């Protein structure tokens, strides 16, 4: 896991409760209440979704909820922004899928 456990200004992180979840069927562990994006980044996941038209990988961009680059699917919650959604134990998270075409209503190839 790639995490900063001690920061020169903020100090040492306090112990937090682990939370198990799956991303695209792979079991992972993060901390309860942290942003899903943080848990994924700490586990080495950089691709959160695919571009609607080109299918190219997209990841975390603004990390403060202004854009929609980090959107992904969480079972029981639908499409969410990974940077704003707190991790819960047992979550099933899937990479954001291409959105349907506005004109045809079908998913782009």
PDB file of N, CA and C in Angstrom:
ATOM      1  N   UNK A   1       0.831  -1.191   0.000  1.00  0.00           N
ATOM      2  CA  UNK A   1       0.000   0.000   0.000  1.00  0.00           C
ATOM      3  C   UNK A   1       0.870   1.246   0.000  1.00  0.00           C
ATOM      4  N   UNK A   2       0.444   2.219  -0.749  1.00  0.00           N
ATOM      5  CA  UNK A   2       1.168   3.478  -0.842  1.00  0.00           C
ATOM      6  C   UNK A   2       0.428   4.538  -0.032  1.00  0.00           C
ATOM      7  N   UNK A   3       0.842   4.732   1.198  1.00  0.00           N
ATOM      8  CA  UNK A   3       0.184   5.708   2.074  1.00  0.00           C
ATOM      9  C   UNK A   3       1.219   6.552   2.794  1.00  0.00           C
ATOM     10  N   UNK A   4       0.838   7.765   3.107  1.00  0.00           N
ATOM     11  CA  UNK A   4       1.666   8.630   3.938  1.00  0.00           C
ATOM     12  C   UNK A   4       1.194   8.430   5.374  1.00  0.00           C
ATOM     13  N   UNK A   5       2.025   7.822   6.184  1.00  0.00           N
ATOM     14  CA  UNK A   5       1.647   7.561   7.576  1.00  0.00           C
ATOM     15  C   UNK A   5       2.075   8.680   8.515  1.00  0.00           C
ATOM     16  N   UNK A   6       3.100   9.422   8.097  1.00  0.00           N
ATOM     17  CA  UNK A   6       3.569  10.534   8.928  1.00  0.00           C
ATOM     18  C   UNK A   6       3.873  11.724   8.035  1.00  0.00           C
ATOM     19  N   UNK A   7       3.300  12.863   8.385  1.00  0.00           N
ATOM     20  CA  UNK A   7       3.453  14.096   7.611  1.00  0.00           C
ATOM     21  C   UNK A   7       4.243  15.099   8.442  1.00  0.00           C
ATOM     22  N   UNK A   8       5.164  15.858   7.828  1.00  0.00           N
ATOM     23  CA  UNK A   8       5.988  16.781   8.607  1.00  0.00           C
ATOM     24  C   UNK A   8       5.199  17.885   9.322  1.00  0.00           C
ATOM     25  N   UNK A   9       4.040  18.246   8.797  1.00  0.00           N
ATOM     26  CA  UNK A   9       3.235  19.297   9.437  1.00  0.00           C
ATOM     27  C   UNK A   9       2.040  18.713  10.183  1.00  0.00           C
ATOM     28  N   UNK A  10       1.348  17.768   9.560  1.00  0.00           N
ATOM     29  CA  UNK A  10       0.134  17.206  10.152  1.00  0.00           C
ATOM     30  C   UNK A  10       0.404  16.143  11.206  1.00  0.00           C
ATOM     31  N   UNK A  11       1.624  15.628  11.236  1.00  0.00           N
ATOM     32  CA  UNK A  11       1.993  14.618  12.229  1.00  0.00           C
ATOM     33  C   UNK A  11       1.653  13.208  11.783  1.00  0.00           C
ATOM     34  N   UNK A  12       1.615  12.307  12.751  1.00  0.00           N
ATOM     35  CA  UNK A  12       1.368  10.892  12.475  1.00  0.00           C
ATOM     36  C   UNK A  12      -0.133  10.638  12.408  1.00  0.00           C
ATOM     37  N   UNK A  13      -0.528   9.798  11.471  1.00  0.00           N
ATOM     38  CA  UNK A  13      -1.945   9.438  11.342  1.00  0.00           C
ATOM     39  C   UNK A  13      -2.384   8.603  12.529  1.00  0.00           C
ATOM     40  N   UNK A  14      -3.586   8.865  12.980  1.00  0.00           N
ATOM     41  CA  UNK A  14      -4.150   8.049  14.048  1.00  0.00           C
ATOM     42  C   UNK A  14      -4.635   6.729  13.454  1.00  0.00           C
ATOM     43  N   UNK A  15      -4.692   5.730  14.260  1.00  0.00           N
ATOM     44  CA  UNK A  15      -5.119   4.396  13.811  1.00  0.00           C
ATOM     45  C   UNK A  15      -6.579   4.462  13.391  1.00  0.00           C
ATOM     46  N   UNK A  16      -6.869   3.888  12.233  1.00  0.00           N
ATOM     47  CA  UNK A  16      -8.247   3.860  11.742  1.00  0.00           C
ATOM     48  C   UNK A  16      -8.692   2.424  11.515  1.00  0.00           C
ATOM     49  N   UNK A  17      -9.997   2.249  11.458  1.00  0.00           N
ATOM     50  CA  UNK A  17     -10.583   0.913  11.300  1.00  0.00           C
ATOM     51  C   UNK A  17     -10.509   0.458   9.841  1.00  0.00           C
ATOM     52  N   UNK A  18      -9.926  -0.708   9.575  1.00  0.00           N
ATOM     53  CA  UNK A  18      -9.848  -1.216   8.205  1.00  0.00           C
ATOM     54  C   UNK A  18     -11.239  -1.542   7.650  1.00  0.00           C
ATOM     55  N   UNK A  19     -11.367  -1.426   6.334  1.00  0.00           N
ATOM     56  CA  UNK A  19     -12.615  -1.757   5.652  1.00  0.00           C
ATOM     57  C   UNK A  19     -12.270  -2.553   4.390  1.00  0.00           C
ATOM     58  N   UNK A  20     -12.847  -3.720   4.272  1.00  0.00           N
ATOM     59  CA  UNK A  20     -12.642  -4.525   3.076  1.00  0.00           C
ATOM     60  C   UNK A  20     -13.675  -4.166   2.022  1.00  0.00           C
ATOM     61  N   UNK A  21     -13.250  -4.146   0.757  1.00  0.00           N
ATOM     62  CA  UNK A  21     -14.164  -3.862  -0.345  1.00  0.00           C
ATOM     63  C   UNK A  21     -13.628  -4.542  -1.589  1.00  0.00           C
ATOM     64  N   UNK A  22     -14.431  -4.562  -2.656  1.00  0.00           N
ATOM     65  CA  UNK A  22     -13.950  -5.109  -3.918  1.00  0.00           C
ATOM     66  C   UNK A  22     -13.980  -4.022  -4.981  1.00  0.00           C
ATOM     67  N   UNK A  23     -13.001  -4.063  -5.868  1.00  0.00           N
ATOM     68  CA  UNK A  23     -12.961  -3.174  -7.022  1.00  0.00           C
ATOM     69  C   UNK A  23     -12.788  -4.047  -8.252  1.00  0.00           C
ATOM     70  N   UNK A  24     -13.794  -4.016  -9.120  1.00  0.00           N
ATOM     71  CA  UNK A  24     -13.804  -4.876 -10.315  1.00  0.00           C
ATOM     72  C   UNK A  24     -13.571  -6.335  -9.949  1.00  0.00           C
ATOM     73  N   UNK A  25     -14.142  -6.747  -8.815  1.00  0.00           N
ATOM     74  CA  UNK A  25     -14.048  -8.134  -8.372  1.00  0.00           C
ATOM     75  C   UNK A  25     -12.805  -8.478  -7.572  1.00  0.00           C
ATOM     76  N   UNK A  26     -11.844  -7.541  -7.497  1.00  0.00           N
ATOM     77  CA  UNK A  26     -10.609  -7.796  -6.734  1.00  0.00           C
ATOM     78  C   UNK A  26     -10.788  -7.330  -5.293  1.00  0.00           C
ATOM     79  N   UNK A  27     -10.498  -8.196  -4.309  1.00  0.00           N
ATOM     80  CA  UNK A  27     -10.597  -7.772  -2.918  1.00  0.00           C
ATOM     81  C   UNK A  27      -9.511  -6.758  -2.571  1.00  0.00           C
ATOM     82  N   UNK A  28      -9.897  -5.729  -1.834  1.00  0.00           N
ATOM     83  CA  UNK A  28      -8.969  -4.674  -1.420  1.00  0.00           C
ATOM     84  C   UNK A  28      -9.301  -4.246  -0.005  1.00  0.00           C
ATOM     85  N   UNK A  29      -8.383  -3.507   0.579  1.00  0.00           N
ATOM     86  CA  UNK A  29      -8.589  -2.993   1.927  1.00  0.00           C
ATOM     87  C   UNK A  29      -8.253  -1.513   1.965  1.00  0.00           C
ATOM     88  N   UNK A  30      -9.090  -0.768   2.644  1.00  0.00           N
ATOM     89  CA  UNK A  30      -8.851   0.646   2.874  1.00  0.00           C
ATOM     90  C   UNK A  30      -9.199   0.943   4.314  1.00  0.00           C
ATOM     91  N   UNK A  31      -9.544   2.178   4.600  1.00  0.00           N
ATOM     92  CA  UNK A  31      -9.966   2.549   5.944  1.00  0.00           C
ATOM     93  C   UNK A  31     -11.384   3.103   5.894  1.00  0.00           C
ATOM     94  N   UNK A  32     -12.193   2.661   6.839  1.00  0.00           N
ATOM     95  CA  UNK A  32     -13.585   3.111   6.911  1.00  0.00           C
ATOM     96  C   UNK A  32     -13.628   4.637   6.988  1.00  0.00           C
ATOM     97  N   UNK A  33     -14.443   5.228   6.105  1.00  0.00           N
ATOM     98  CA  UNK A  33     -14.637   6.675   6.120  1.00  0.00           C
ATOM     99  C   UNK A  33     -13.716   7.459   5.195  1.00  0.00           C
ATOM    100  N   UNK A  34     -12.622   6.842   4.724  1.00  0.00           N
ATOM    101  CA  UNK A  34     -11.765   7.576   3.783  1.00  0.00           C
ATOM    102  C   UNK A  34     -12.434   7.572   2.415  1.00  0.00           C
ATOM    103  N   UNK A  35     -12.060   8.497   1.564  1.00  0.00           N
ATOM    104  CA  UNK A  35     -12.630   8.535   0.220  1.00  0.00           C
ATOM    105  C   UNK A  35     -12.255   7.264  -0.535  1.00  0.00           C
ATOM    106  N   UNK A  36     -13.201   6.761  -1.328  1.00  0.00           N
ATOM    107  CA  UNK A  36     -12.925   5.569  -2.132  1.00  0.00           C
ATOM    108  C   UNK A  36     -11.689   5.806  -2.995  1.00  0.00           C
ATOM    109  N   UNK A  37     -11.560   7.013  -3.548  1.00  0.00           N
ATOM    110  CA  UNK A  37     -10.399   7.333  -4.397  1.00  0.00           C
ATOM    111  C   UNK A  37      -9.096   7.157  -3.639  1.00  0.00           C
ATOM    112  N   UNK A  38      -9.048   7.561  -2.373  1.00  0.00           N
ATOM    113  CA  UNK A  38      -7.832   7.428  -1.572  1.00  0.00           C
ATOM    114  C   UNK A  38      -7.492   5.957  -1.358  1.00  0.00           C
ATOM    115  N   UNK A  39      -8.502   5.141  -1.076  1.00  0.00           N
ATOM    116  CA  UNK A  39      -8.270   3.708  -0.872  1.00  0.00           C
ATOM    117  C   UNK A  39      -7.760   3.054  -2.151  1.00  0.00           C
ATOM    118  N   UNK A  40      -8.327   3.437  -3.287  1.00  0.00           N
ATOM    119  CA  UNK A  40      -7.888   2.870  -4.562  1.00  0.00           C
ATOM    120  C   UNK A  40      -6.473   3.317  -4.910  1.00  0.00           C
ATOM    121  N   UNK A  41      -6.187   4.593  -4.735  1.00  0.00           N
ATOM    122  CA  UNK A  41      -4.843   5.105  -5.023  1.00  0.00           C
ATOM    123  C   UNK A  41      -3.800   4.420  -4.144  1.00  0.00           C
ATOM    124  N   UNK A  42      -4.131   4.230  -2.868  1.00  0.00           N
ATOM    125  CA  UNK A  42      -3.195   3.576  -1.949  1.00  0.00           C
ATOM    126  C   UNK A  42      -2.956   2.119  -2.335  1.00  0.00           C
ATOM    127  N   UNK A  43      -3.907   1.539  -3.051  1.00  0.00           N
ATOM    128  CA  UNK A  43      -3.770   0.150  -3.507  1.00  0.00           C
ATOM    129  C   UNK A  43      -3.177   0.057  -4.909  1.00  0.00           C
ATOM    130  N   UNK A  44      -2.769   1.201  -5.448  1.00  0.00           N
ATOM    131  CA  UNK A  44      -2.118   1.208  -6.756  1.00  0.00           C
ATOM    132  C   UNK A  44      -3.052   1.327  -7.941  1.00  0.00           C
ATOM    133  N   UNK A  45      -4.338   1.535  -7.715  1.00  0.00           N
ATOM    134  CA  UNK A  45      -5.305   1.676  -8.808  1.00  0.00           C
ATOM    135  C   UNK A  45      -5.297   3.123  -9.282  1.00  0.00           C
ATOM    136  N   UNK A  46      -5.024   3.323 -10.556  1.00  0.00           N
ATOM    137  CA  UNK A  46      -4.993   4.667 -11.132  1.00  0.00           C
ATOM    138  C   UNK A  46      -6.130   4.917 -12.114  1.00  0.00           C
ATOM    139  N   UNK A  47      -6.638   3.862 -12.750  1.00  0.00           N
ATOM    140  CA  UNK A  47      -7.741   4.010 -13.696  1.00  0.00           C
ATOM    141  C   UNK A  47      -9.059   3.799 -12.972  1.00  0.00           C
ATOM    142  N   UNK A  48      -9.882   4.839 -12.947  1.00  0.00           N
ATOM    143  CA  UNK A  48     -11.175   4.759 -12.271  1.00  0.00           C
ATOM    144  C   UNK A  48     -12.334   4.591 -13.240  1.00  0.00           C
ATOM    145  N   UNK A  49     -12.145   5.031 -14.479  1.00  0.00           N
ATOM    146  CA  UNK A  49     -13.191   4.899 -15.487  1.00  0.00           C
ATOM    147  C   UNK A  49     -12.569   5.014 -16.868  1.00  0.00           C
ATOM    148  N   UNK A  50     -13.395   4.940 -17.897  1.00  0.00           N
ATOM    149  CA  UNK A  50     -12.968   5.072 -19.286  1.00  0.00           C
ATOM    150  C   UNK A  50     -13.682   6.265 -19.922  1.00  0.00           C
ATOM    151  N   UNK A  51     -12.968   6.970 -20.792  1.00  0.00           N
ATOM    152  CA  UNK A  51     -13.553   8.114 -21.495  1.00  0.00           C
ATOM    153  C   UNK A  51     -14.739   7.639 -22.336  1.00  0.00           C
ATOM    154  N   UNK A  52     -15.795   8.440 -22.377  1.00  0.00           N
ATOM    155  CA  UNK A  52     -17.036   8.057 -23.046  1.00  0.00           C
ATOM    156  C   UNK A  52     -16.856   7.750 -24.526  1.00  0.00           C
ATOM    157  N   UNK A  53     -16.042   8.528 -25.212  1.00  0.00           N
ATOM    158  CA  UNK A  53     -15.905   8.347 -26.655  1.00  0.00           C
ATOM    159  C   UNK A  53     -14.687   7.506 -27.029  1.00  0.00           C
ATOM    160  N   UNK A  54     -13.541   7.810 -26.443  1.00  0.00           N
ATOM    161  CA  UNK A  54     -12.312   7.126 -26.855  1.00  0.00           C
ATOM    162  C   UNK A  54     -12.049   5.839 -26.079  1.00  0.00           C
ATOM    163  N   UNK A  55     -12.621   5.704 -24.904  1.00  0.00           N
ATOM    164  CA  UNK A  55     -12.364   4.531 -24.073  1.00  0.00           C
ATOM    165  C   UNK A  55     -11.030   4.584 -23.344  1.00  0.00           C
ATOM    166  N   UNK A  56     -10.338   5.720 -23.442  1.00  0.00           N
ATOM    167  CA  UNK A  56      -9.032   5.851 -22.786  1.00  0.00           C
ATOM    168  C   UNK A  56      -9.205   5.930 -21.265  1.00  0.00           C
ATOM    169  N   UNK A  57      -8.208   5.454 -20.518  1.00  0.00           N
ATOM    170  CA  UNK A  57      -8.307   5.458 -19.053  1.00  0.00           C
ATOM    171  C   UNK A  57      -8.355   6.876 -18.476  1.00  0.00           C
ATOM    172  N   UNK A  58      -9.168   7.031 -17.450  1.00  0.00           N
ATOM    173  CA  UNK A  58      -9.295   8.298 -16.741  1.00  0.00           C
ATOM    174  C   UNK A  58      -9.092   8.015 -15.253  1.00  0.00           C
ATOM    175  N   UNK A  59      -8.565   8.986 -14.535  1.00  0.00           N
ATOM    176  CA  UNK A  59      -8.319   8.806 -13.106  1.00  0.00           C
ATOM    177  C   UNK A  59      -8.752  10.015 -12.315  1.00  0.00           C
ATOM    178  N   UNK A  60      -8.206  10.126 -11.136  1.00  0.00           N
ATOM    179  CA  UNK A  60      -8.515  11.240 -10.251  1.00  0.00           C
ATOM    180  C   UNK A  60      -7.959  12.530 -10.846  1.00  0.00           C
ATOM    181  N   UNK A  61      -8.748  13.594 -10.874  1.00  0.00           N
ATOM    182  CA  UNK A  61      -8.311  14.850 -11.478  1.00  0.00           C
ATOM    183  C   UNK A  61      -8.290  15.972 -10.427  1.00  0.00           C
ATOM    184  N   UNK A  62      -9.446  16.443 -10.007  1.00  0.00           N
ATOM    185  CA  UNK A  62      -9.449  17.590  -9.090  1.00  0.00           C
ATOM    186  C   UNK A  62      -9.384  17.162  -7.623  1.00  0.00           C
ATOM    187  N   UNK A  63      -9.930  16.017  -7.303  1.00  0.00           N
ATOM    188  CA  UNK A  63      -9.936  15.445  -5.949  1.00  0.00           C
ATOM    189  C   UNK A  63     -10.715  16.270  -4.931  1.00  0.00           C
ATOM    190  N   UNK A  64     -11.569  17.199  -5.406  1.00  0.00           N
ATOM    191  CA  UNK A  64     -12.383  17.988  -4.476  1.00  0.00           C
ATOM    192  C   UNK A  64     -13.853  18.052  -4.881  1.00  0.00           C
ATOM    193  N   UNK A  65     -14.257  17.197  -5.807  1.00  0.00           N
ATOM    194  CA  UNK A  65     -15.662  17.099  -6.156  1.00  0.00           C
ATOM    195  C   UNK A  65     -16.179  18.054  -7.213  1.00  0.00           C
ATOM    196  N   UNK A  66     -15.308  18.833  -7.845  1.00  0.00           N
ATOM    197  CA  UNK A  66     -15.774  19.776  -8.861  1.00  0.00           C
ATOM    198  C   UNK A  66     -15.973  19.133 -10.219  1.00  0.00           C
ATOM    199  N   UNK A  67     -15.152  18.170 -10.566  1.00  0.00           N
ATOM    200  CA  UNK A  67     -15.271  17.528 -11.877  1.00  0.00           C
ATOM    201  C   UNK A  67     -15.967  16.176 -11.679  1.00  0.00           C
ATOM    202  N   UNK A  68     -16.082  15.438 -12.739  1.00  0.00           N
ATOM    203  CA  UNK A  68     -16.702  14.105 -12.658  1.00  0.00           C
ATOM    204  C   UNK A  68     -15.742  13.023 -13.148  1.00  0.00           C
ATOM    205  N   UNK A  69     -14.445  13.321 -13.172  1.00  0.00           N
ATOM    206  CA  UNK A  69     -13.462  12.377 -13.699  1.00  0.00           C
ATOM    207  C   UNK A  69     -13.367  11.092 -12.876  1.00  0.00           C
ATOM    208  N   UNK A  70     -13.648  11.160 -11.599  1.00  0.00           N
ATOM    209  CA  UNK A  70     -13.464   9.986 -10.740  1.00  0.00           C
ATOM    210  C   UNK A  70     -14.750   9.193 -10.525  1.00  0.00           C
ATOM    211  N   UNK A  71     -15.746   9.411 -11.361  1.00  0.00           N
ATOM    212  CA  UNK A  71     -17.011   8.702 -11.132  1.00  0.00           C
ATOM    213  C   UNK A  71     -16.846   7.203 -11.378  1.00  0.00           C
ATOM    214  N   UNK A  72     -17.488   6.447 -10.505  1.00  0.00           N
ATOM    215  CA  UNK A  72     -17.517   5.005 -10.638  1.00  0.00           C
ATOM    216  C   UNK A  72     -18.824   4.494 -10.072  1.00  0.00           C
ATOM    217  N   UNK A  73     -19.030   3.198 -10.163  1.00  0.00           N
ATOM    218  CA  UNK A  73     -20.297   2.608  -9.742  1.00  0.00           C
ATOM    219  C   UNK A  73     -20.113   1.876  -8.423  1.00  0.00           C
ATOM    220  N   UNK A  74     -20.987   2.163  -7.470  1.00  0.00           N
ATOM    221  CA  UNK A  74     -20.992   1.467  -6.183  1.00  0.00           C
ATOM    222  C   UNK A  74     -22.343   0.779  -6.044  1.00  0.00           C
ATOM    223  N   UNK A  75     -22.326  -0.533  -5.821  1.00  0.00           N
ATOM    224  CA  UNK A  75     -23.570  -1.294  -5.658  1.00  0.00           C
ATOM    225  C   UNK A  75     -24.406  -0.684  -4.530  1.00  0.00           C
ATOM    226  N   UNK A  76     -25.668  -0.441  -4.826  1.00  0.00           N
ATOM    227  CA  UNK A  76     -26.584   0.128  -3.840  1.00  0.00           C
ATOM    228  C   UNK A  76     -26.574   1.644  -3.786  1.00  0.00           C
ATOM    229  N   UNK A  77     -25.599   2.276  -4.443  1.00  0.00           N
ATOM    230  CA  UNK A  77     -25.517   3.739  -4.437  1.00  0.00           C
ATOM    231  C   UNK A  77     -25.560   4.326  -5.844  1.00  0.00           C
ATOM    232  N   UNK A  78     -25.220   3.527  -6.850  1.00  0.00           N
ATOM    233  CA  UNK A  78     -25.208   4.002  -8.230  1.00  0.00           C
ATOM    234  C   UNK A  78     -23.887   4.659  -8.582  1.00  0.00           C
ATOM    235  N   UNK A  79     -23.951   5.628  -9.499  1.00  0.00           N
ATOM    236  CA  UNK A  79     -22.746   6.329  -9.942  1.00  0.00           C
ATOM    237  C   UNK A  79     -22.404   7.399  -8.916  1.00  0.00           C
ATOM    238  N   UNK A  80     -21.171   7.360  -8.415  1.00  0.00           N
ATOM    239  CA  UNK A  80     -20.716   8.302  -7.388  1.00  0.00           C
ATOM    240  C   UNK A  80     -19.363   8.887  -7.784  1.00  0.00           C
ATOM    241  N   UNK A  81     -18.996   9.977  -7.144  1.00  0.00           N
ATOM    242  CA  UNK A  81     -17.645  10.524  -7.296  1.00  0.00           C
ATOM    243  C   UNK A  81     -16.779   9.890  -6.214  1.00  0.00           C
ATOM    244  N   UNK A  82     -15.722   9.225  -6.647  1.00  0.00           N
ATOM    245  CA  UNK A  82     -14.854   8.487  -5.733  1.00  0.00           C
ATOM    246  C   UNK A  82     -14.149   9.397  -4.741  1.00  0.00           C
ATOM    247  N   UNK A  83     -13.924  10.656  -5.113  1.00  0.00           N
ATOM    248  CA  UNK A  83     -13.202  11.570  -4.219  1.00  0.00           C
ATOM    249  C   UNK A  83     -14.080  12.055  -3.064  1.00  0.00           C
ATOM    250  N   UNK A  84     -15.406  11.926  -3.192  1.00  0.00           N
ATOM    251  CA  UNK A  84     -16.323  12.419  -2.154  1.00  0.00           C
ATOM    252  C   UNK A  84     -17.034  11.317  -1.382  1.00  0.00           C
ATOM    253  N   UNK A  85     -17.003  10.106  -1.887  1.00  0.00           N
ATOM    254  CA  UNK A  85     -17.780   9.026  -1.278  1.00  0.00           C
ATOM    255  C   UNK A  85     -16.942   8.258  -0.265  1.00  0.00           C
ATOM    256  N   UNK A  86     -17.392   8.233   0.997  1.00  0.00           N
ATOM    257  CA  UNK A  86     -16.630   7.522   2.024  1.00  0.00           C
ATOM    258  C   UNK A  86     -16.710   6.006   1.858  1.00  0.00           C
ATOM    259  N   UNK A  87     -15.609   5.354   2.117  1.00  0.00           N
ATOM    260  CA  UNK A  87     -15.518   3.900   2.017  1.00  0.00           C
ATOM    261  C   UNK A  87     -16.246   3.258   3.190  1.00  0.00           C
ATOM    262  N   UNK A  88     -17.005   2.216   2.868  1.00  0.00           N
ATOM    263  CA  UNK A  88     -17.694   1.427   3.887  1.00  0.00           C
ATOM    264  C   UNK A  88     -17.255  -0.022   3.741  1.00  0.00           C
ATOM    265  N   UNK A  89     -17.241  -0.745   4.834  1.00  0.00           N
ATOM    266  CA  UNK A  89     -16.870  -2.148   4.804  1.00  0.00           C
ATOM    267  C   UNK A  89     -17.848  -2.928   3.932  1.00  0.00           C
ATOM    268  N   UNK A  90     -17.328  -3.770   3.049  1.00  0.00           N
ATOM    269  CA  UNK A  90     -18.165  -4.620   2.217  1.00  0.00           C
ATOM    270  C   UNK A  90     -18.639  -3.997   0.910  1.00  0.00           C
ATOM    271  N   UNK A  91     -18.194  -2.794   0.584  1.00  0.00           N
ATOM    272  CA  UNK A  91     -18.632  -2.139  -0.651  1.00  0.00           C
ATOM    273  C   UNK A  91     -18.195  -2.928  -1.873  1.00  0.00           C
ATOM    274  N   UNK A  92     -19.059  -2.922  -2.892  1.00  0.00           N
ATOM    275  CA  UNK A  92     -18.729  -3.473  -4.199  1.00  0.00           C
ATOM    276  C   UNK A  92     -18.610  -2.290  -5.144  1.00  0.00           C
ATOM    277  N   UNK A  93     -17.389  -2.057  -5.635  1.00  0.00           N
ATOM    278  CA  UNK A  93     -17.088  -0.897  -6.467  1.00  0.00           C
ATOM    279  C   UNK A  93     -16.654  -1.387  -7.846  1.00  0.00           C
ATOM    280  N   UNK A  94     -17.187  -0.753  -8.881  1.00  0.00           N
ATOM    281  CA  UNK A  94     -16.831  -1.104 -10.254  1.00  0.00           C
ATOM    282  C   UNK A  94     -16.315   0.126 -10.980  1.00  0.00           C
ATOM    283  N   UNK A  95     -15.364  -0.106 -11.873  1.00  0.00           N
ATOM    284  CA  UNK A  95     -14.834   0.971 -12.712  1.00  0.00           C
ATOM    285  C   UNK A  95     -15.989   1.665 -13.420  1.00  0.00           C
ATOM    286  N   UNK A  96     -15.920   2.993 -13.508  1.00  0.00           N
ATOM    287  CA  UNK A  96     -16.962   3.748 -14.196  1.00  0.00           C
ATOM    288  C   UNK A  96     -17.049   3.321 -15.649  1.00  0.00           C
ATOM    289  N   UNK A  97     -18.243   3.076 -16.104  1.00  0.00           N
ATOM    290  CA  UNK A  97     -18.460   2.621 -17.474  1.00  0.00           C
ATOM    291  C   UNK A  97     -18.798   3.791 -18.384  1.00  0.00           C
ATOM    292  N   UNK A  98     -18.669   3.575 -19.658  1.00  0.00           N
ATOM    293  CA  UNK A  98     -19.028   4.600 -20.628  1.00  0.00           C
ATOM    294  C   UNK A  98     -20.508   4.912 -20.501  1.00  0.00           C
ATOM    295  N   UNK A  99     -20.832   6.182 -20.619  1.00  0.00           N
ATOM    296  CA  UNK A  99     -22.219   6.600 -20.505  1.00  0.00           C
ATOM    297  C   UNK A  99     -22.946   6.370 -21.824  1.00  0.00           C
ATOM    298  N   UNK A 100     -24.287   6.227 -21.769  1.00  0.00           N
ATOM    299  CA  UNK A 100     -25.034   6.060 -23.020  1.00  0.00           C
ATOM    300  C   UNK A 100     -24.938   7.309 -23.888  1.00  0.00           C
ATOM    301  N   UNK A 101     -25.005   7.118 -25.185  1.00  0.00           N
ATOM    302  CA  UNK A 101     -25.024   8.213 -26.136  1.00  0.00           C
ATOM    303  C   UNK A 101     -26.320   8.990 -25.937  1.00  0.00           C
ATOM    304  N   UNK A 102     -26.238  10.316 -25.862  1.00  0.00           N
ATOM    305  CA  UNK A 102     -27.432  11.140 -25.610  1.00  0.00           C
ATOM    306  C   UNK A 102     -28.476  11.015 -26.709  1.00  0.00           C
ATOM    307  N   UNK A 103     -28.056  10.794 -27.933  1.00  0.00           N
ATOM    308  CA  UNK A 103     -28.995  10.755 -29.057  1.00  0.00           C
ATOM    309  C   UNK A 103     -29.650   9.390 -29.179  1.00  0.00           C
ATOM    310  N   UNK A 104     -28.861   8.330 -29.161  1.00  0.00           N
ATOM    311  CA  UNK A 104     -29.403   6.997 -29.392  1.00  0.00           C
ATOM    312  C   UNK A 104     -29.814   6.282 -28.103  1.00  0.00           C
ATOM    313  N   UNK A 105     -29.243   6.708 -26.962  1.00  0.00           N
ATOM    314  CA  UNK A 105     -29.530   6.023 -25.712  1.00  0.00           C
ATOM    315  C   UNK A 105     -28.709   4.756 -25.533  1.00  0.00           C
ATOM    316  N   UNK A 106     -27.895   4.402 -26.538  1.00  0.00           N
ATOM    317  CA  UNK A 106     -27.065   3.199 -26.448  1.00  0.00           C
ATOM    318  C   UNK A 106     -25.662   3.573 -25.968  1.00  0.00           C
ATOM    319  N   UNK A 107     -25.006   2.619 -25.361  1.00  0.00           N
ATOM    320  CA  UNK A 107     -23.625   2.822 -24.933  1.00  0.00           C
ATOM    321  C   UNK A 107     -22.737   2.927 -26.158  1.00  0.00           C
ATOM    322  N   UNK A 108     -21.815   3.880 -26.129  1.00  0.00           N
ATOM    323  CA  UNK A 108     -20.904   4.060 -27.252  1.00  0.00           C
ATOM    324  C   UNK A 108     -19.977   2.857 -27.364  1.00  0.00           C
ATOM    325  N   UNK A 109     -19.546   2.507 -28.577  1.00  0.00           N
ATOM    326  CA  UNK A 109     -18.661   1.341 -28.744  1.00  0.00           C
ATOM    327  C   UNK A 109     -17.305   1.570 -28.107  1.00  0.00           C
TER     328      UNK A 109
END
